Protein backbone atom coordinates (compact mmCIF):
# COMPACT_ATOMS: atom_id res chain seq x y z
CA MET A 1 -0.07 -0.13 -0.40
CA ASP A 2 0.90 3.64 -0.41
CA HIS A 3 1.96 5.72 2.32
CA ASN A 4 3.22 9.64 2.95
CA ARG A 5 6.77 9.96 3.82
CA ASP A 6 6.93 13.24 2.60
CA PHE A 7 7.45 15.41 5.96
CA ASP A 8 9.90 18.22 7.25
CA PRO A 9 10.19 17.38 11.05
CA ARG A 10 11.80 21.12 11.42
CA TYR A 11 13.00 20.39 14.85
CA GLY A 12 13.10 23.00 17.63
CA GLU A 13 10.07 24.54 16.55
CA ALA A 14 6.10 24.10 17.15
CA VAL A 15 4.59 23.92 13.62
CA ALA A 16 0.93 25.65 13.73
CA LEU A 17 -1.04 23.12 11.91
CA SER A 18 -4.43 24.79 12.17
CA ASP A 19 -5.67 27.77 14.81
CA GLY A 20 -5.16 26.72 18.20
CA ILE A 21 -3.05 23.11 17.21
CA ARG A 22 0.76 23.07 16.61
CA ARG A 23 3.21 19.98 16.46
CA ILE A 24 6.64 19.56 17.77
CA THR A 25 8.75 16.92 16.19
CA ALA A 26 11.02 15.23 19.00
CA PRO A 27 14.42 14.87 17.48
CA ASN A 28 14.72 10.63 18.20
CA SER A 29 14.33 9.67 14.83
CA GLY A 30 14.94 5.88 14.11
CA ALA A 31 14.02 2.77 12.07
CA PHE A 32 10.21 2.79 14.39
CA THR A 33 9.88 6.55 14.66
CA PHE A 34 10.65 7.41 11.25
CA HIS A 35 11.48 10.98 11.72
CA GLY A 36 10.45 11.58 15.52
CA THR A 37 7.39 11.60 18.13
CA ASN A 38 5.20 14.09 17.19
CA THR A 39 4.03 16.39 20.50
CA TYR A 40 0.63 18.20 20.09
CA LEU A 41 -0.18 21.64 21.55
CA ILE A 42 -3.88 21.73 21.66
CA GLY A 43 -5.64 25.18 22.45
CA ILE A 44 -3.78 28.18 23.27
CA ASP A 45 -4.35 29.21 26.39
CA PRO A 46 -5.14 26.91 27.79
CA ILE A 47 -2.93 23.95 26.51
CA ILE A 48 -3.65 20.18 26.25
CA VAL A 49 0.09 18.82 25.31
CA VAL A 50 -0.68 15.34 23.81
CA ASP A 51 2.05 12.77 23.70
CA PRO A 52 5.29 14.90 25.36
CA GLY A 53 7.39 12.21 23.63
CA PRO A 54 10.74 11.53 24.83
CA ASP A 55 12.50 12.45 28.20
CA LEU A 56 15.19 14.56 25.85
CA ASP A 57 16.04 18.27 27.31
CA SER A 58 15.88 19.66 23.74
CA HIS A 59 12.36 18.59 23.28
CA ILE A 60 11.13 19.57 26.67
CA GLU A 61 12.42 23.05 26.06
CA THR A 62 10.90 23.37 22.91
CA ILE A 63 7.27 22.41 24.43
CA LEU A 64 8.00 24.71 27.68
CA ARG A 65 9.01 27.78 24.78
CA ALA A 66 6.03 26.95 22.69
CA THR A 67 3.57 27.25 25.77
CA SER A 68 5.42 30.24 27.66
CA GLY A 69 2.80 32.39 28.88
CA ALA A 70 0.25 30.34 28.78
CA GLU A 71 -1.47 27.49 31.18
CA ILE A 72 -0.60 23.88 30.86
CA ALA A 73 -4.00 22.01 31.26
CA ALA A 74 -3.04 18.68 31.34
CA ILE A 75 -0.36 16.37 29.40
CA ALA A 76 -2.39 13.74 27.28
CA VAL A 77 -0.74 10.47 26.87
CA THR A 78 -1.80 7.78 23.89
CA HIS A 79 0.27 4.82 24.82
CA THR A 80 3.36 4.07 27.31
CA HIS A 81 6.03 3.51 24.85
CA VAL A 82 9.38 5.40 25.55
CA ASP A 83 9.11 7.72 22.68
CA HIS A 84 5.95 9.02 23.72
CA SER A 85 5.47 9.18 27.58
CA PRO A 86 8.47 9.64 29.51
CA ALA A 87 8.81 13.39 29.13
CA ALA A 88 5.60 13.42 31.27
CA ARG A 89 7.35 13.32 34.15
CA ARG A 90 9.45 15.85 33.99
CA LEU A 91 7.21 18.31 32.40
CA LYS A 92 4.31 17.55 35.24
CA ASP A 93 6.67 18.80 37.20
CA LEU A 94 7.46 21.99 35.20
CA SER A 95 3.70 22.92 34.71
CA HIS A 96 2.14 21.34 37.64
CA ALA A 97 -0.19 20.05 35.03
CA PRO A 98 -2.04 16.68 35.73
CA VAL A 99 -1.18 13.55 33.79
CA ILE A 100 -4.11 12.18 31.93
CA GLY A 101 -5.24 9.68 29.33
CA CYS A 102 -3.93 5.67 29.01
CA GLY A 103 -3.24 3.41 32.38
CA PRO A 104 0.24 1.96 33.24
CA HIS A 105 1.54 -0.47 30.64
CA ARG A 106 0.57 -3.70 30.62
CA ALA A 107 0.28 -6.47 27.68
CA ALA A 108 -2.28 -8.12 25.80
CA ARG A 109 -1.99 -11.23 27.14
CA ASP A 110 0.21 -13.17 29.66
CA LEU A 111 3.43 -14.46 28.42
CA LYS A 112 3.65 -18.49 28.18
CA LEU A 113 6.25 -20.34 29.91
CA GLY A 114 9.42 -19.50 28.44
CA GLU A 115 8.54 -17.12 26.27
CA ILE A 116 10.32 -13.34 25.97
CA ASN A 117 8.42 -10.25 25.75
CA PRO A 118 10.21 -8.66 22.20
CA MET A 119 8.92 -5.30 23.47
CA ASP A 120 9.89 -5.14 26.31
CA ALA A 121 12.34 -2.45 26.09
CA SER A 122 10.45 -0.40 24.43
CA ALA A 123 7.57 0.17 27.73
CA ASP A 124 7.97 3.03 30.34
CA ARG A 125 6.90 1.15 32.91
CA ASP A 126 7.31 4.17 35.13
CA TYR A 127 4.60 5.87 33.77
CA GLN A 128 1.69 6.89 36.18
CA PRO A 129 -1.64 9.05 35.00
CA ASP A 130 -3.02 11.21 37.65
CA VAL A 131 -6.16 10.91 35.62
CA LEU A 132 -7.36 7.75 33.71
CA MET A 133 -9.23 8.22 31.13
CA GLY A 134 -11.88 5.24 29.26
CA ASP A 135 -13.26 4.92 26.07
CA GLY A 136 -15.75 7.96 25.84
CA ASP A 137 -14.31 9.88 29.21
CA ARG A 138 -13.95 13.69 28.38
CA PHE A 139 -11.26 16.32 29.71
CA ASP A 140 -13.06 19.93 28.63
CA ALA A 141 -10.50 22.88 28.83
CA GLY A 142 -10.85 26.43 27.48
CA GLY A 143 -13.61 25.58 25.49
CA LEU A 144 -12.04 22.49 24.22
CA THR A 145 -13.22 18.81 24.64
CA LEU A 146 -11.01 16.16 24.11
CA GLU A 147 -12.45 12.40 23.75
CA ALA A 148 -10.75 9.42 24.73
CA ILE A 149 -11.10 6.65 22.30
CA ALA A 150 -10.05 3.23 23.69
CA THR A 151 -7.83 1.95 20.23
CA PRO A 152 -6.20 -1.11 21.73
CA GLY A 153 -3.90 -3.42 19.31
CA HIS A 154 -0.53 -1.23 19.03
CA THR A 155 -0.63 -1.50 23.00
CA GLN A 156 -3.43 -2.68 25.17
CA ASN A 157 -3.56 0.66 26.57
CA HIS A 158 -3.61 2.97 23.73
CA LEU A 159 -6.41 5.66 23.26
CA SER A 160 -6.97 7.67 20.46
CA PHE A 161 -8.21 11.32 21.30
CA ALA A 162 -10.73 13.32 19.32
CA LEU A 163 -11.01 17.08 19.67
CA LEU A 164 -14.68 17.09 19.66
CA GLY A 165 -16.38 19.67 17.46
CA THR A 166 -13.82 19.82 14.89
CA PRO A 167 -12.64 16.85 12.13
CA TYR A 168 -9.71 16.71 14.35
CA LEU A 169 -8.37 13.23 15.67
CA LEU A 170 -5.09 12.36 17.58
CA SER A 171 -4.68 8.85 16.56
CA GLY A 172 -0.76 8.09 18.21
CA ASP A 173 0.54 5.22 16.74
CA HIS A 174 -2.35 3.51 15.75
CA VAL A 175 -2.97 5.35 12.41
CA MET A 176 0.24 6.81 10.73
CA ALA A 177 0.90 8.25 7.12
CA TRP A 178 4.45 6.92 6.80
CA SER A 179 4.19 3.69 7.54
CA THR A 180 1.66 0.50 9.22
CA SER A 181 1.54 0.19 13.09
CA ILE A 182 3.55 -2.52 14.41
CA VAL A 183 1.49 -5.19 15.97
CA ALA A 184 3.79 -7.18 18.45
CA PRO A 185 2.46 -10.12 20.62
CA PRO A 186 2.11 -10.15 23.82
CA ASP A 187 1.87 -6.01 24.00
CA GLY A 188 -0.01 -5.56 20.87
CA ASN A 189 -3.02 -7.76 19.27
CA MET A 190 -4.12 -7.85 15.96
CA ARG A 191 -7.94 -8.43 16.08
CA ALA A 192 -8.26 -5.59 18.75
CA TYR A 193 -6.14 -3.71 15.91
CA LEU A 194 -8.37 -4.36 13.45
CA SER A 195 -11.42 -3.74 15.76
CA SER A 196 -9.98 -0.13 16.53
CA LEU A 197 -9.38 0.58 12.67
CA ASP A 198 -13.29 -0.28 12.44
CA LYS A 199 -14.27 1.88 15.48
CA LEU A 200 -12.28 5.17 13.81
CA MET A 201 -13.89 4.65 10.63
CA GLY A 202 -17.10 5.20 12.62
CA ARG A 203 -16.26 8.13 13.73
CA PRO A 204 -16.98 12.02 12.22
CA GLU A 205 -13.40 12.86 12.55
CA HIS A 206 -11.59 12.74 9.49
CA HIS A 207 -8.29 14.46 9.75
CA PHE A 208 -5.68 12.54 11.90
CA LEU A 209 -2.91 13.99 13.83
CA PRO A 210 -0.33 10.84 13.83
CA GLY A 211 2.36 9.59 16.46
CA HIS A 212 4.69 10.33 13.75
CA GLY A 213 4.83 11.32 10.86
CA ALA A 214 3.15 13.43 8.43
CA ALA A 215 -1.10 14.60 9.19
CA ILE A 216 -3.72 12.22 7.36
CA ALA A 217 -6.53 14.39 5.92
CA ASP A 218 -9.03 12.08 4.68
CA ALA A 219 -8.06 8.78 6.90
CA ARG A 220 -11.35 7.09 6.18
CA PRO A 221 -10.30 5.16 2.84
CA TYR A 222 -6.49 5.66 4.28
CA MET A 223 -7.74 3.00 7.12
CA ALA A 224 -9.49 0.93 4.83
CA ASP A 225 -6.85 0.04 2.89
CA LEU A 226 -5.01 -0.27 6.10
CA ARG A 227 -7.37 -2.94 6.89
CA ALA A 228 -7.22 -4.26 3.53
CA HIS A 229 -3.04 -4.63 3.68
CA ARG A 230 -3.54 -6.82 7.10
CA LEU A 231 -6.42 -9.02 5.15
CA ARG A 232 -3.65 -9.98 2.07
CA ARG A 233 -0.97 -10.33 4.69
CA GLU A 234 -3.37 -13.12 5.88
CA THR A 235 -4.11 -14.34 2.92
CA ALA A 236 -0.52 -15.05 1.88
CA ILE A 237 0.27 -16.83 5.37
CA MET A 238 -3.02 -19.00 4.53
CA GLU A 239 -1.55 -19.36 1.09
CA GLN A 240 1.86 -20.22 2.55
CA LEU A 241 0.87 -22.44 5.12
CA ALA A 242 -1.22 -24.43 2.72
CA THR A 243 2.21 -26.07 1.34
CA GLY A 244 3.32 -27.41 4.37
CA ALA A 245 3.84 -26.26 7.86
CA LYS A 246 6.35 -23.01 8.26
CA THR A 247 8.33 -21.77 11.04
CA ILE A 248 7.52 -17.23 10.94
CA PRO A 249 11.11 -16.88 9.27
CA GLU A 250 10.41 -19.31 6.53
CA LEU A 251 7.14 -17.04 6.16
CA VAL A 252 9.10 -13.84 6.12
CA GLU A 253 11.65 -15.04 3.56
CA LEU A 254 8.78 -15.84 1.41
CA ILE A 255 6.16 -13.02 2.00
CA TYR A 256 8.35 -10.12 1.90
CA LEU A 257 10.06 -10.52 -0.54
CA ASP A 258 13.94 -8.45 -0.60
CA LEU A 259 13.20 -7.01 2.72
CA PRO A 260 16.04 -5.61 4.28
CA ASP A 261 17.82 -7.88 7.11
CA GLY A 262 16.92 -4.79 9.96
CA LEU A 263 13.56 -5.04 9.40
CA LYS A 264 12.75 -8.57 9.31
CA GLY A 265 12.50 -8.78 13.23
CA ALA A 266 9.70 -6.27 12.41
CA ALA A 267 8.49 -8.36 10.05
CA ALA A 268 8.50 -11.79 11.96
CA LEU A 269 6.58 -9.99 14.55
CA SER A 270 3.68 -8.56 12.73
CA VAL A 271 3.61 -12.42 11.41
CA PHE A 272 3.25 -13.43 14.70
CA ALA A 273 0.24 -11.05 15.12
CA GLN A 274 -1.43 -12.13 12.57
CA LEU A 275 -0.84 -15.82 13.25
CA GLU A 276 -1.87 -15.32 16.82
CA ASP A 277 -5.37 -14.27 15.66
CA LEU A 278 -5.52 -17.36 12.92
CA VAL A 279 -4.71 -19.55 16.22
CA ASP A 280 -7.54 -17.93 18.37
CA ARG A 281 -9.93 -18.30 15.70
CA GLY A 282 -9.23 -21.89 15.16
CA ARG A 283 -7.92 -21.89 11.28
CA VAL A 284 -4.29 -22.46 12.23
CA ALA A 285 -2.14 -24.77 14.61
CA ALA A 286 1.01 -24.24 16.02
CA SER A 287 3.60 -26.50 17.27
CA PRO A 288 4.35 -27.20 20.02
CA GLU A 289 2.40 -23.89 21.22
CA LEU A 290 2.00 -20.23 19.93
CA LEU A 291 5.43 -18.67 20.48
CA LEU A 292 7.80 -17.20 17.88
CA ASN A 293 9.89 -20.25 17.23
CA ALA A 294 7.10 -22.52 16.78
CA ARG A 295 6.03 -24.64 13.48
CA TYR A 296 2.43 -23.62 12.22
CA GLN A 297 0.37 -25.18 9.81
CA LEU A 298 -3.12 -24.91 8.83
CA ALA A 299 -5.58 -26.21 11.34
């Protein structure tokens, strides 16, 4: 599928996207963060800071400079990965604003005996919100209303935030223009990810502000493409398993043609998520059990 990788991060600046909406991109570029994590400043005074990002001095200084003279009413967090939430603690200490949004980090399921969580190092386990927001909960500040939308899939605690009465929705890492979202068990869950896509497609908001990369002006057809992409991957897995039992590395080599070695680990986690869903639905069997190093065959 087509992605939009045309993005200028303009580090150290608060880039105006609309009246009362600015974006600051943290200088933490990488294979999984693109040009860096997007922090959003919602409102003029007071301001809601959404996804404060990594605990980097330069990034926090940019946030403080951009909000100077205004009240920070809240620091909202979509999910607890180390590129999104750690700066909340220092920003709270400096601004005295409450941290609101998602709950503490948790996996979508328990680890199996002998299983190692491949995403463990990416989790911010020190995060604690002052105000836990669930699906449909709202936060009001200066005439603006932020509504939390539970969107598990990338992580179990993932929230998106709708700016009610506007076309804007802050989609975190669930929907991004530059790439598909990583869904990696046991932290992530493919069935939840697809259900969350369906939920967002039913929302009135259509202009998405993602955790990385450029905004998505018309999100509904793009989300339909994201969903179709996952279903095509599922079909490819089933077609390969129809020729015999295979391991996840074998499936990656057969399905992700010409993929650079540095991205094969992420592809393996994506295949694992698809297989977990297929096993849960009774279409695929794992031997000896559902693990990254198992062999898989049609049920």
